[in-house]
């Protein structure tokens, strides 16, 4: 049997205070694994410290965590992948529980769930981040009729099939949400593993921006609704236009039936425009729903071909 290869992937940006401990902790837990640190234009000693501690260091010059993950998934060859942040907020000792369902073939992606045992709520000092996490989580659970507990965790394990077939599109911190959406939409098996969470050590600061990333959260919810459920999305848009058209047009119709004359010509034109937009939006929903279904069929066929090539 082929020896199983495990890779630990650590995206890093200015983590000189914590990266040494993260590398040592994961080497202690997974001595057989290759540990990769992808340095994303750090301005401190992250790269130097990672090299000194024996990690395989790669520089990714396109800024953003999503860009880092894209390069990792393209470049690194392994059977099991573990992704963890370099800020020492995720204990390495839980890695065995994350890997277990991947190794046994019971999951394609294992998620380190920070929220179920309450440690994230206790340790996290950035409460708006928790609010955003919960907002996206609820939106995804409603959209896909599922019950995931933690959408944005940075502690995950994947099998090779997931990593080599996921098209990473998000350039920044939306990458975790994109992974969860991709797995749900493409019917990959997800396993959630409750883990402990600890806040960053003193002197280490989060790279998230409360206002900027909050806006991105709202955009992500709208975009994922449009991309993954186009028929429902454009049907709702069509209903909004139709209601506006009726609100403006009913007084015009009432006047016409009473007098056979239309004096509110601007209202009539506006109402006609709203109703036309409603019809166009509904047609867009029908067409995009058909395209989305065809895309899923093509993806399944391509995945089957990939499996056949891998098994040769």
C-alpha atoms as a PDB file:
ATOM      1  CA  UNK A   1       0.000   0.000   0.000  1.00  0.00           C
ATOM      2  CA  UNK A   2       1.103   3.549  -0.785  1.00  0.00           C
ATOM      3  CA  UNK A   3       2.266   5.468   2.269  1.00  0.00           C
ATOM      4  CA  UNK A   4      -0.268   8.127   3.224  1.00  0.00           C
ATOM      5  CA  UNK A   5       0.970  11.692   2.858  1.00  0.00           C
ATOM      6  CA  UNK A   6      -0.308  14.414   5.174  1.00  0.00           C
ATOM      7  CA  UNK A   7       0.249  18.130   4.563  1.00  0.00           C
ATOM      8  CA  UNK A   8      -0.335  20.911   7.081  1.00  0.00           C
ATOM      9  CA  UNK A   9      -1.136  24.215   5.349  1.00  0.00           C
ATOM     10  CA  UNK A  10      -0.556  27.444   7.295  1.00  0.00           C
ATOM     11  CA  UNK A  11      -1.443  30.749   5.568  1.00  0.00           C
ATOM     12  CA  UNK A  12       0.494  33.565   7.250  1.00  0.00           C
ATOM     13  CA  UNK A  13       0.564  37.332   7.310  1.00  0.00           C
ATOM     14  CA  UNK A  14       2.597  38.988  10.081  1.00  0.00           C
ATOM     15  CA  UNK A  15       2.500  36.112  12.574  1.00  0.00           C
ATOM     16  CA  UNK A  16       6.025  36.289  14.022  1.00  0.00           C
ATOM     17  CA  UNK A  17       4.685  36.064  17.595  1.00  0.00           C
ATOM     18  CA  UNK A  18       2.891  32.756  17.068  1.00  0.00           C
ATOM     19  CA  UNK A  19       4.174  30.899  14.009  1.00  0.00           C
ATOM     20  CA  UNK A  20       6.999  29.110  15.844  1.00  0.00           C
ATOM     21  CA  UNK A  21       4.602  27.614  18.388  1.00  0.00           C
ATOM     22  CA  UNK A  22       2.115  26.597  15.686  1.00  0.00           C
ATOM     23  CA  UNK A  23       4.810  24.767  13.711  1.00  0.00           C
ATOM     24  CA  UNK A  24       6.204  23.015  16.794  1.00  0.00           C
ATOM     25  CA  UNK A  25       2.732  21.996  18.017  1.00  0.00           C
ATOM     26  CA  UNK A  26       1.766  20.435  14.700  1.00  0.00           C
ATOM     27  CA  UNK A  27       5.134  18.734  14.289  1.00  0.00           C
ATOM     28  CA  UNK A  28       4.642  17.191  17.731  1.00  0.00           C
ATOM     29  CA  UNK A  29       1.162  15.922  16.803  1.00  0.00           C
ATOM     30  CA  UNK A  30       1.983  14.947  13.193  1.00  0.00           C
ATOM     31  CA  UNK A  31       5.711  14.152  12.988  1.00  0.00           C
ATOM     32  CA  UNK A  32       5.231  12.455   9.609  1.00  0.00           C
ATOM     33  CA  UNK A  33       3.504  15.459   7.982  1.00  0.00           C
ATOM     34  CA  UNK A  34       4.977  18.118   5.704  1.00  0.00           C
ATOM     35  CA  UNK A  35       4.353  21.559   7.190  1.00  0.00           C
ATOM     36  CA  UNK A  36       3.910  24.375   4.670  1.00  0.00           C
ATOM     37  CA  UNK A  37       3.921  28.055   5.606  1.00  0.00           C
ATOM     38  CA  UNK A  38       2.702  30.312   2.818  1.00  0.00           C
ATOM     39  CA  UNK A  39       3.996  33.783   3.614  1.00  0.00           C
ATOM     40  CA  UNK A  40       1.658  36.469   2.261  1.00  0.00           C
ATOM     41  CA  UNK A  41       3.862  39.598   2.089  1.00  0.00           C
ATOM     42  CA  UNK A  42       4.573  39.661   5.825  1.00  0.00           C
ATOM     43  CA  UNK A  43       6.435  42.746   7.002  1.00  0.00           C
ATOM     44  CA  UNK A  44       7.802  41.068  10.143  1.00  0.00           C
ATOM     45  CA  UNK A  45      10.006  37.994  10.762  1.00  0.00           C
ATOM     46  CA  UNK A  46       7.350  35.386   9.916  1.00  0.00           C
ATOM     47  CA  UNK A  47       9.285  33.955   6.971  1.00  0.00           C
ATOM     48  CA  UNK A  48      12.586  33.826   8.853  1.00  0.00           C
ATOM     49  CA  UNK A  49      11.103  32.128  11.927  1.00  0.00           C
ATOM     50  CA  UNK A  50       9.164  29.595   9.850  1.00  0.00           C
ATOM     51  CA  UNK A  51      12.314  28.579   7.937  1.00  0.00           C
ATOM     52  CA  UNK A  52      14.322  28.346  11.154  1.00  0.00           C
ATOM     53  CA  UNK A  53      11.748  25.909  12.525  1.00  0.00           C
ATOM     54  CA  UNK A  54      11.902  23.603   9.531  1.00  0.00           C
ATOM     55  CA  UNK A  55       8.716  24.518   7.699  1.00  0.00           C
ATOM     56  CA  UNK A  56       8.528  24.514   3.912  1.00  0.00           C
ATOM     57  CA  UNK A  57       8.118  28.243   3.219  1.00  0.00           C
ATOM     58  CA  UNK A  58       6.535  29.563   0.025  1.00  0.00           C
ATOM     59  CA  UNK A  59       5.957  33.241  -0.733  1.00  0.00           C
ATOM     60  CA  UNK A  60       2.567  34.182  -2.170  1.00  0.00           C
ATOM     61  CA  UNK A  61       2.742  37.762  -3.435  1.00  0.00           C
ATOM     62  CA  UNK A  62      -0.944  38.211  -4.276  1.00  0.00           C
ATOM     63  CA  UNK A  63      -2.424  39.632  -1.096  1.00  0.00           C
ATOM     64  CA  UNK A  64      -5.376  37.874   0.525  1.00  0.00           C
ATOM     65  CA  UNK A  65      -6.057  34.567   2.231  1.00  0.00           C
ATOM     66  CA  UNK A  66      -8.095  33.285  -0.697  1.00  0.00           C
ATOM     67  CA  UNK A  67      -5.149  33.826  -3.026  1.00  0.00           C
ATOM     68  CA  UNK A  68      -2.921  31.930  -0.595  1.00  0.00           C
ATOM     69  CA  UNK A  69      -5.323  28.986  -0.392  1.00  0.00           C
ATOM     70  CA  UNK A  70      -5.621  28.877  -4.190  1.00  0.00           C
ATOM     71  CA  UNK A  71      -1.848  28.509  -4.519  1.00  0.00           C
ATOM     72  CA  UNK A  72      -1.715  25.907  -1.740  1.00  0.00           C
ATOM     73  CA  UNK A  73      -4.407  23.775  -3.346  1.00  0.00           C
ATOM     74  CA  UNK A  74      -2.732  23.981  -6.749  1.00  0.00           C
ATOM     75  CA  UNK A  75       0.852  23.382  -5.625  1.00  0.00           C
ATOM     76  CA  UNK A  76       0.795  20.863  -2.781  1.00  0.00           C
ATOM     77  CA  UNK A  77       0.407  17.134  -3.387  1.00  0.00           C
ATOM     78  CA  UNK A  78      -0.903  15.014  -0.505  1.00  0.00           C
ATOM     79  CA  UNK A  79      -3.576  12.510   0.495  1.00  0.00           C
ATOM     80  CA  UNK A  80      -4.853  14.445   3.519  1.00  0.00           C
ATOM     81  CA  UNK A  81      -4.676  18.209   3.927  1.00  0.00           C
ATOM     82  CA  UNK A  82      -4.971  20.123   7.201  1.00  0.00           C
ATOM     83  CA  UNK A  83      -5.464  23.887   7.017  1.00  0.00           C
ATOM     84  CA  UNK A  84      -4.935  26.022  10.116  1.00  0.00           C
ATOM     85  CA  UNK A  85      -4.330  29.705  10.804  1.00  0.00           C
ATOM     86  CA  UNK A  86      -0.894  30.798  11.979  1.00  0.00           C
ATOM     87  CA  UNK A  87      -2.208  32.810  14.941  1.00  0.00           C
ATOM     88  CA  UNK A  88      -2.232  29.940  17.472  1.00  0.00           C
ATOM     89  CA  UNK A  89      -5.985  30.180  18.096  1.00  0.00           C
ATOM     90  CA  UNK A  90      -6.608  26.527  17.136  1.00  0.00           C
ATOM     91  CA  UNK A  91      -5.052  23.820  19.390  1.00  0.00           C
ATOM     92  CA  UNK A  92      -2.999  21.299  17.429  1.00  0.00           C
ATOM     93  CA  UNK A  93      -4.083  18.374  19.625  1.00  0.00           C
ATOM     94  CA  UNK A  94      -7.507  18.329  17.896  1.00  0.00           C
ATOM     95  CA  UNK A  95      -5.932  17.570  14.521  1.00  0.00           C
ATOM     96  CA  UNK A  96      -6.275  13.805  15.009  1.00  0.00           C
ATOM     97  CA  UNK A  97     -10.039  14.116  15.414  1.00  0.00           C
ATOM     98  CA  UNK A  98     -10.193  16.214  12.241  1.00  0.00           C
ATOM     99  CA  UNK A  99      -8.124  13.763  10.227  1.00  0.00           C
ATOM    100  CA  UNK A 100      -9.915  10.627  11.423  1.00  0.00           C
ATOM    101  CA  UNK A 101     -13.133  10.944   9.315  1.00  0.00           C
ATOM    102  CA  UNK A 102     -11.035  11.912   6.256  1.00  0.00           C
ATOM    103  CA  UNK A 103      -8.749   8.918   6.694  1.00  0.00           C
ATOM    104  CA  UNK A 104     -11.692   6.549   7.173  1.00  0.00           C
ATOM    105  CA  UNK A 105     -13.526   7.896   4.120  1.00  0.00           C
ATOM    106  CA  UNK A 106     -16.434   9.176   6.209  1.00  0.00           C
ATOM    107  CA  UNK A 107     -15.982  12.810   5.163  1.00  0.00           C
ATOM    108  CA  UNK A 108     -14.492  14.896   2.367  1.00  0.00           C
ATOM    109  CA  UNK A 109     -14.092  17.944   4.609  1.00  0.00           C
ATOM    110  CA  UNK A 110     -13.862  18.026   8.414  1.00  0.00           C
ATOM    111  CA  UNK A 111     -14.589  21.344  10.113  1.00  0.00           C
ATOM    112  CA  UNK A 112     -13.193  22.422  13.465  1.00  0.00           C
ATOM    113  CA  UNK A 113     -16.357  23.689  15.167  1.00  0.00           C
ATOM    114  CA  UNK A 114     -15.447  26.496  17.625  1.00  0.00           C
ATOM    115  CA  UNK A 115     -18.988  27.459  18.539  1.00  0.00           C
ATOM    116  CA  UNK A 116     -20.722  24.370  19.952  1.00  0.00           C
ATOM    117  CA  UNK A 117     -18.763  24.130  23.217  1.00  0.00           C
ATOM    118  CA  UNK A 118     -18.835  27.874  23.939  1.00  0.00           C
ATOM    119  CA  UNK A 119     -15.072  28.519  23.921  1.00  0.00           C
ATOM    120  CA  UNK A 120     -15.279  30.961  21.009  1.00  0.00           C
ATOM    121  CA  UNK A 121     -17.933  33.043  22.750  1.00  0.00           C
ATOM    122  CA  UNK A 122     -15.799  33.058  25.892  1.00  0.00           C
ATOM    123  CA  UNK A 123     -12.425  33.830  24.294  1.00  0.00           C
ATOM    124  CA  UNK A 124     -13.366  36.049  21.353  1.00  0.00           C
ATOM    125  CA  UNK A 125     -13.055  39.779  22.060  1.00  0.00           C
ATOM    126  CA  UNK A 126     -14.445  40.876  18.675  1.00  0.00           C
ATOM    127  CA  UNK A 127     -18.194  40.417  19.069  1.00  0.00           C
ATOM    128  CA  UNK A 128     -19.112  41.836  15.658  1.00  0.00           C
ATOM    129  CA  UNK A 129     -17.120  39.010  14.092  1.00  0.00           C
ATOM    130  CA  UNK A 130     -19.287  36.509  15.968  1.00  0.00           C
ATOM    131  CA  UNK A 131     -22.402  38.337  14.760  1.00  0.00           C
ATOM    132  CA  UNK A 132     -21.207  38.116  11.154  1.00  0.00           C
ATOM    133  CA  UNK A 133     -20.386  34.443  11.559  1.00  0.00           C
ATOM    134  CA  UNK A 134     -23.872  33.716  12.886  1.00  0.00           C
ATOM    135  CA  UNK A 135     -25.525  35.771  10.135  1.00  0.00           C
ATOM    136  CA  UNK A 136     -23.756  33.876   7.349  1.00  0.00           C
ATOM    137  CA  UNK A 137     -24.319  30.556   9.125  1.00  0.00           C
ATOM    138  CA  UNK A 138     -28.072  31.103   9.380  1.00  0.00           C
ATOM    139  CA  UNK A 139     -28.300  32.239   5.757  1.00  0.00           C
ATOM    140  CA  UNK A 140     -26.440  29.147   4.500  1.00  0.00           C
ATOM    141  CA  UNK A 141     -28.436  26.766   6.693  1.00  0.00           C
ATOM    142  CA  UNK A 142     -31.698  28.220   5.364  1.00  0.00           C
ATOM    143  CA  UNK A 143     -30.423  28.169   1.786  1.00  0.00           C
ATOM    144  CA  UNK A 144     -29.259  24.547   1.841  1.00  0.00           C
ATOM    145  CA  UNK A 145     -31.635  23.188   4.508  1.00  0.00           C
ATOM    146  CA  UNK A 146     -28.724  22.050   6.673  1.00  0.00           C
ATOM    147  CA  UNK A 147     -27.557  22.611  10.253  1.00  0.00           C
ATOM    148  CA  UNK A 148     -23.870  23.537  10.177  1.00  0.00           C
ATOM    149  CA  UNK A 149     -22.608  24.992  13.442  1.00  0.00           C
ATOM    150  CA  UNK A 150     -19.496  26.914  12.276  1.00  0.00           C
ATOM    151  CA  UNK A 151     -19.104  28.285   8.754  1.00  0.00           C
ATOM    152  CA  UNK A 152     -16.053  30.542   9.064  1.00  0.00           C
ATOM    153  CA  UNK A 153     -13.641  28.413  11.069  1.00  0.00           C
ATOM    154  CA  UNK A 154     -10.075  28.389   9.776  1.00  0.00           C
ATOM    155  CA  UNK A 155      -9.313  24.869  11.088  1.00  0.00           C
ATOM    156  CA  UNK A 156     -10.224  22.220   8.508  1.00  0.00           C
ATOM    157  CA  UNK A 157      -9.119  18.932   7.026  1.00  0.00           C
ATOM    158  CA  UNK A 158      -9.756  17.795   3.440  1.00  0.00           C
ATOM    159  CA  UNK A 159      -9.234  14.785   1.252  1.00  0.00           C
ATOM    160  CA  UNK A 160      -7.390  15.032  -2.041  1.00  0.00           C
ATOM    161  CA  UNK A 161     -10.561  14.925  -4.150  1.00  0.00           C
ATOM    162  CA  UNK A 162     -11.949  18.050  -2.494  1.00  0.00           C
ATOM    163  CA  UNK A 163      -8.708  20.036  -2.737  1.00  0.00           C
ATOM    164  CA  UNK A 164      -7.929  19.217  -6.349  1.00  0.00           C
ATOM    165  CA  UNK A 165     -11.442  19.864  -7.656  1.00  0.00           C
ATOM    166  CA  UNK A 166     -12.390  23.058  -5.815  1.00  0.00           C
ATOM    167  CA  UNK A 167     -12.098  26.241  -7.915  1.00  0.00           C
ATOM    168  CA  UNK A 168     -10.997  28.899  -5.387  1.00  0.00           C
ATOM    169  CA  UNK A 169     -12.526  32.209  -6.487  1.00  0.00           C
ATOM    170  CA  UNK A 170     -12.526  34.344  -3.325  1.00  0.00           C
ATOM    171  CA  UNK A 171      -9.353  36.460  -2.914  1.00  0.00           C
ATOM    172  CA  UNK A 172      -9.729  37.254   0.787  1.00  0.00           C
ATOM    173  CA  UNK A 173     -11.241  36.019   4.049  1.00  0.00           C
ATOM    174  CA  UNK A 174     -14.457  34.893   2.349  1.00  0.00           C
ATOM    175  CA  UNK A 175     -12.581  31.699   1.455  1.00  0.00           C
ATOM    176  CA  UNK A 176     -13.932  29.748   4.449  1.00  0.00           C
ATOM    177  CA  UNK A 177     -17.518  30.582   3.476  1.00  0.00           C
ATOM    178  CA  UNK A 178     -16.748  29.619  -0.120  1.00  0.00           C
ATOM    179  CA  UNK A 179     -15.425  26.229   0.977  1.00  0.00           C
ATOM    180  CA  UNK A 180     -18.582  25.480   2.941  1.00  0.00           C
ATOM    181  CA  UNK A 181     -20.830  26.600   0.081  1.00  0.00           C
ATOM    182  CA  UNK A 182     -18.876  24.577  -2.443  1.00  0.00           C
ATOM    183  CA  UNK A 183     -19.043  21.436  -0.300  1.00  0.00           C
ATOM    184  CA  UNK A 184     -22.785  21.769   0.259  1.00  0.00           C
ATOM    185  CA  UNK A 185     -23.598  22.575  -3.358  1.00  0.00           C
ATOM    186  CA  UNK A 186     -21.481  19.735  -4.766  1.00  0.00           C
ATOM    187  CA  UNK A 187     -22.758  17.178  -2.199  1.00  0.00           C
ATOM    188  CA  UNK A 188     -19.421  16.567  -0.472  1.00  0.00           C
ATOM    189  CA  UNK A 189     -19.655  14.959   2.951  1.00  0.00           C
ATOM    190  CA  UNK A 190     -18.992  17.411   5.782  1.00  0.00           C
ATOM    191  CA  UNK A 191     -18.149  16.353   9.317  1.00  0.00           C
ATOM    192  CA  UNK A 192     -18.067  18.879  12.158  1.00  0.00           C
ATOM    193  CA  UNK A 193     -15.671  18.252  15.039  1.00  0.00           C
ATOM    194  CA  UNK A 194     -16.115  20.338  18.221  1.00  0.00           C
ATOM    195  CA  UNK A 195     -12.801  21.964  19.173  1.00  0.00           C
ATOM    196  CA  UNK A 196     -11.539  24.456  21.725  1.00  0.00           C
ATOM    197  CA  UNK A 197     -10.725  27.988  20.662  1.00  0.00           C
ATOM    198  CA  UNK A 198      -8.314  30.417  22.286  1.00  0.00           C
ATOM    199  CA  UNK A 199      -7.969  34.103  21.566  1.00  0.00           C
ATOM    200  CA  UNK A 200      -4.817  35.563  20.072  1.00  0.00           C
ATOM    201  CA  UNK A 201      -1.951  36.107  22.530  1.00  0.00           C
ATOM    202  CA  UNK A 202      -1.231  39.620  23.729  1.00  0.00           C
ATOM    203  CA  UNK A 203       0.510  41.677  21.061  1.00  0.00           C
ATOM    204  CA  UNK A 204      -0.989  39.717  18.163  1.00  0.00           C
ATOM    205  CA  UNK A 205      -3.743  41.488  16.215  1.00  0.00           C
ATOM    206  CA  UNK A 206      -6.493  40.209  13.950  1.00  0.00           C
ATOM    207  CA  UNK A 207      -6.217  40.956  10.228  1.00  0.00           C
ATOM    208  CA  UNK A 208      -9.998  41.345   9.925  1.00  0.00           C
ATOM    209  CA  UNK A 209     -11.556  44.771   9.540  1.00  0.00           C
ATOM    210  CA  UNK A 210     -14.857  45.034  11.410  1.00  0.00           C
ATOM    211  CA  UNK A 211     -16.645  47.431   9.037  1.00  0.00           C
ATOM    212  CA  UNK A 212     -15.002  46.357   5.782  1.00  0.00           C
ATOM    213  CA  UNK A 213     -15.401  42.652   6.408  1.00  0.00           C
ATOM    214  CA  UNK A 214     -18.938  43.235   7.706  1.00  0.00           C
ATOM    215  CA  UNK A 215     -19.857  44.701   4.319  1.00  0.00           C
ATOM    216  CA  UNK A 216     -18.197  41.714   2.645  1.00  0.00           C
ATOM    217  CA  UNK A 217     -20.341  39.385   4.770  1.00  0.00           C
ATOM    218  CA  UNK A 218     -23.532  41.036   3.495  1.00  0.00           C
ATOM    219  CA  UNK A 219     -22.253  40.907  -0.094  1.00  0.00           C
ATOM    220  CA  UNK A 220     -21.361  37.244   0.361  1.00  0.00           C
ATOM    221  CA  UNK A 221     -24.896  36.386   1.510  1.00  0.00           C
ATOM    222  CA  UNK A 222     -26.467  38.161  -1.483  1.00  0.00           C
ATOM    223  CA  UNK A 223     -23.979  36.661  -3.932  1.00  0.00           C
ATOM    224  CA  UNK A 224     -24.326  33.100  -2.673  1.00  0.00           C
ATOM    225  CA  UNK A 225     -28.136  33.363  -2.854  1.00  0.00           C
ATOM    226  CA  UNK A 226     -27.881  34.577  -6.467  1.00  0.00           C
ATOM    227  CA  UNK A 227     -25.251  32.033  -7.524  1.00  0.00           C
ATOM    228  CA  UNK A 228     -26.558  28.910  -5.795  1.00  0.00           C
ATOM    229  CA  UNK A 229     -30.329  29.521  -5.898  1.00  0.00           C
ATOM    230  CA  UNK A 230     -30.844  31.732  -8.987  1.00  0.00           C
ATOM    231  CA  UNK A 231     -34.496  30.781  -9.525  1.00  0.00           C
ATOM    232  CA  UNK A 232     -35.508  31.697  -5.962  1.00  0.00           C
ATOM    233  CA  UNK A 233     -33.365  34.852  -6.026  1.00  0.00           C
ATOM    234  CA  UNK A 234     -34.733  36.246  -9.286  1.00  0.00           C
ATOM    235  CA  UNK A 235     -38.286  35.190  -8.427  1.00  0.00           C
ATOM    236  CA  UNK A 236     -38.074  37.337  -5.295  1.00  0.00           C
ATOM    237  CA  UNK A 237     -36.657  40.218  -7.363  1.00  0.00           C
ATOM    238  CA  UNK A 238     -39.508  39.745  -9.854  1.00  0.00           C
ATOM    239  CA  UNK A 239     -42.096  39.844  -7.062  1.00  0.00           C
ATOM    240  CA  UNK A 240     -40.617  43.082  -5.724  1.00  0.00           C
ATOM    241  CA  UNK A 241     -40.840  44.693  -9.177  1.00  0.00           C
ATOM    242  CA  UNK A 242     -44.358  43.329  -9.647  1.00  0.00           C
ATOM    243  CA  UNK A 243     -45.546  44.736  -6.321  1.00  0.00           C
ATOM    244  CA  UNK A 244     -44.043  48.129  -7.188  1.00  0.00           C
ATOM    245  CA  UNK A 245     -45.740  47.988 -10.585  1.00  0.00           C
ATOM    246  CA  UNK A 246     -49.109  47.169  -9.047  1.00  0.00           C
ATOM    247  CA  UNK A 247     -48.738  49.877  -6.413  1.00  0.00           C
ATOM    248  CA  UNK A 248     -48.114  52.482  -9.113  1.00  0.00           C
ATOM    249  CA  UNK A 249     -50.433  51.018 -11.751  1.00  0.00           C
ATOM    250  CA  UNK A 250     -53.635  50.198  -9.840  1.00  0.00           C
ATOM    251  CA  UNK A 251     -54.683  53.868  -9.434  1.00  0.00           C
ATOM    252  CA  UNK A 252     -54.119  54.296 -13.189  1.00  0.00           C
ATOM    253  CA  UNK A 253     -56.300  51.268 -13.971  1.00  0.00           C
ATOM    254  CA  UNK A 254     -59.027  52.417 -11.573  1.00  0.00           C
ATOM    255  CA  UNK A 255     -59.104  55.816 -13.264  1.00  0.00           C
ATOM    256  CA  UNK A 256     -59.213  54.213 -16.732  1.00  0.00           C
ATOM    257  CA  UNK A 257     -62.129  51.884 -15.864  1.00  0.00           C
ATOM    258  CA  UNK A 258     -64.067  54.811 -14.423  1.00  0.00           C
ATOM    259  CA  UNK A 259     -63.415  57.425 -17.121  1.00  0.00           C
ATOM    260  CA  UNK A 260     -61.880  55.505 -20.067  1.00  0.00           C
ATOM    261  CA  UNK A 261     -59.123  58.128 -19.927  1.00  0.00           C
ATOM    262  CA  UNK A 262     -55.559  57.940 -18.589  1.00  0.00           C
ATOM    263  CA  UNK A 263     -54.379  61.253 -17.182  1.00  0.00           C
ATOM    264  CA  UNK A 264     -51.537  59.852 -15.068  1.00  0.00           C
ATOM    265  CA  UNK A 265     -49.314  59.015 -18.008  1.00  0.00           C
ATOM    266  CA  UNK A 266     -45.972  59.044 -16.089  1.00  0.00           C
ATOM    267  CA  UNK A 267     -47.434  56.601 -13.546  1.00  0.00           C
ATOM    268  CA  UNK A 268     -48.680  54.373 -16.354  1.00  0.00           C
ATOM    269  CA  UNK A 269     -45.234  54.321 -17.984  1.00  0.00           C
ATOM    270  CA  UNK A 270     -43.537  53.643 -14.641  1.00  0.00           C
ATOM    271  CA  UNK A 271     -45.945  50.814 -13.836  1.00  0.00           C
ATOM    272  CA  UNK A 272     -45.356  49.261 -17.263  1.00  0.00           C
ATOM    273  CA  UNK A 273     -41.594  49.465 -16.658  1.00  0.00           C
ATOM    274  CA  UNK A 274     -41.852  47.740 -13.267  1.00  0.00           C
ATOM    275  CA  UNK A 275     -44.005  44.930 -14.677  1.00  0.00           C
ATOM    276  CA  UNK A 276     -41.608  44.478 -17.616  1.00  0.00           C
ATOM    277  CA  UNK A 277     -38.662  44.250 -15.206  1.00  0.00           C
ATOM    278  CA  UNK A 278     -40.572  41.651 -13.193  1.00  0.00           C
ATOM    279  CA  UNK A 279     -41.074  39.524 -16.314  1.00  0.00           C
ATOM    280  CA  UNK A 280     -37.417  39.877 -17.327  1.00  0.00           C
ATOM    281  CA  UNK A 281     -36.215  38.959 -13.813  1.00  0.00           C
ATOM    282  CA  UNK A 282     -38.385  35.852 -13.761  1.00  0.00           C
ATOM    283  CA  UNK A 283     -37.062  34.791 -17.174  1.00  0.00           C
ATOM    284  CA  UNK A 284     -33.482  35.312 -15.915  1.00  0.00           C
ATOM    285  CA  UNK A 285     -34.228  33.059 -12.946  1.00  0.00           C
ATOM    286  CA  UNK A 286     -35.568  30.276 -15.183  1.00  0.00           C
ATOM    287  CA  UNK A 287     -32.604  30.474 -17.571  1.00  0.00           C
ATOM    288  CA  UNK A 288     -29.936  30.657 -14.846  1.00  0.00           C
ATOM    289  CA  UNK A 289     -31.537  27.779 -12.957  1.00  0.00           C
ATOM    290  CA  UNK A 290     -31.225  25.651 -16.098  1.00  0.00           C
ATOM    291  CA  UNK A 291     -27.586  26.704 -16.563  1.00  0.00           C
ATOM    292  CA  UNK A 292     -26.802  25.947 -12.903  1.00  0.00           C
ATOM    293  CA  UNK A 293     -28.289  22.453 -13.254  1.00  0.00           C
ATOM    294  CA  UNK A 294     -26.257  21.810 -16.408  1.00  0.00           C
ATOM    295  CA  UNK A 295     -23.126  23.023 -14.628  1.00  0.00           C
ATOM    296  CA  UNK A 296     -23.740  20.540 -11.807  1.00  0.00           C
ATOM    297  CA  UNK A 297     -24.164  17.707 -14.304  1.00  0.00           C
ATOM    298  CA  UNK A 298     -20.912  18.673 -16.075  1.00  0.00           C
ATOM    299  CA  UNK A 299     -19.116  18.874 -12.721  1.00  0.00           C
ATOM    300  CA  UNK A 300     -20.221  15.346 -11.763  1.00  0.00           C
ATOM    301  CA  UNK A 301     -18.977  13.973 -15.085  1.00  0.00           C
ATOM    302  CA  UNK A 302     -15.623  15.763 -14.717  1.00  0.00           C
ATOM    303  CA  UNK A 303     -15.298  14.460 -11.159  1.00  0.00           C
ATOM    304  CA  UNK A 304     -15.884  10.917 -12.398  1.00  0.00           C
ATOM    305  CA  UNK A 305     -13.130  11.352 -15.005  1.00  0.00           C
ATOM    306  CA  UNK A 306     -10.786  12.739 -12.329  1.00  0.00           C
ATOM    307  CA  UNK A 307     -11.407   9.705 -10.111  1.00  0.00           C
ATOM    308  CA  UNK A 308     -10.673   7.341 -12.992  1.00  0.00           C
ATOM    309  CA  UNK A 309      -7.386   9.105 -13.729  1.00  0.00           C
ATOM    310  CA  UNK A 310      -6.394   9.101 -10.027  1.00  0.00           C
ATOM    311  CA  UNK A 311      -7.101   5.380  -9.716  1.00  0.00           C
ATOM    312  CA  UNK A 312      -4.883   4.419 -12.668  1.00  0.00           C
END
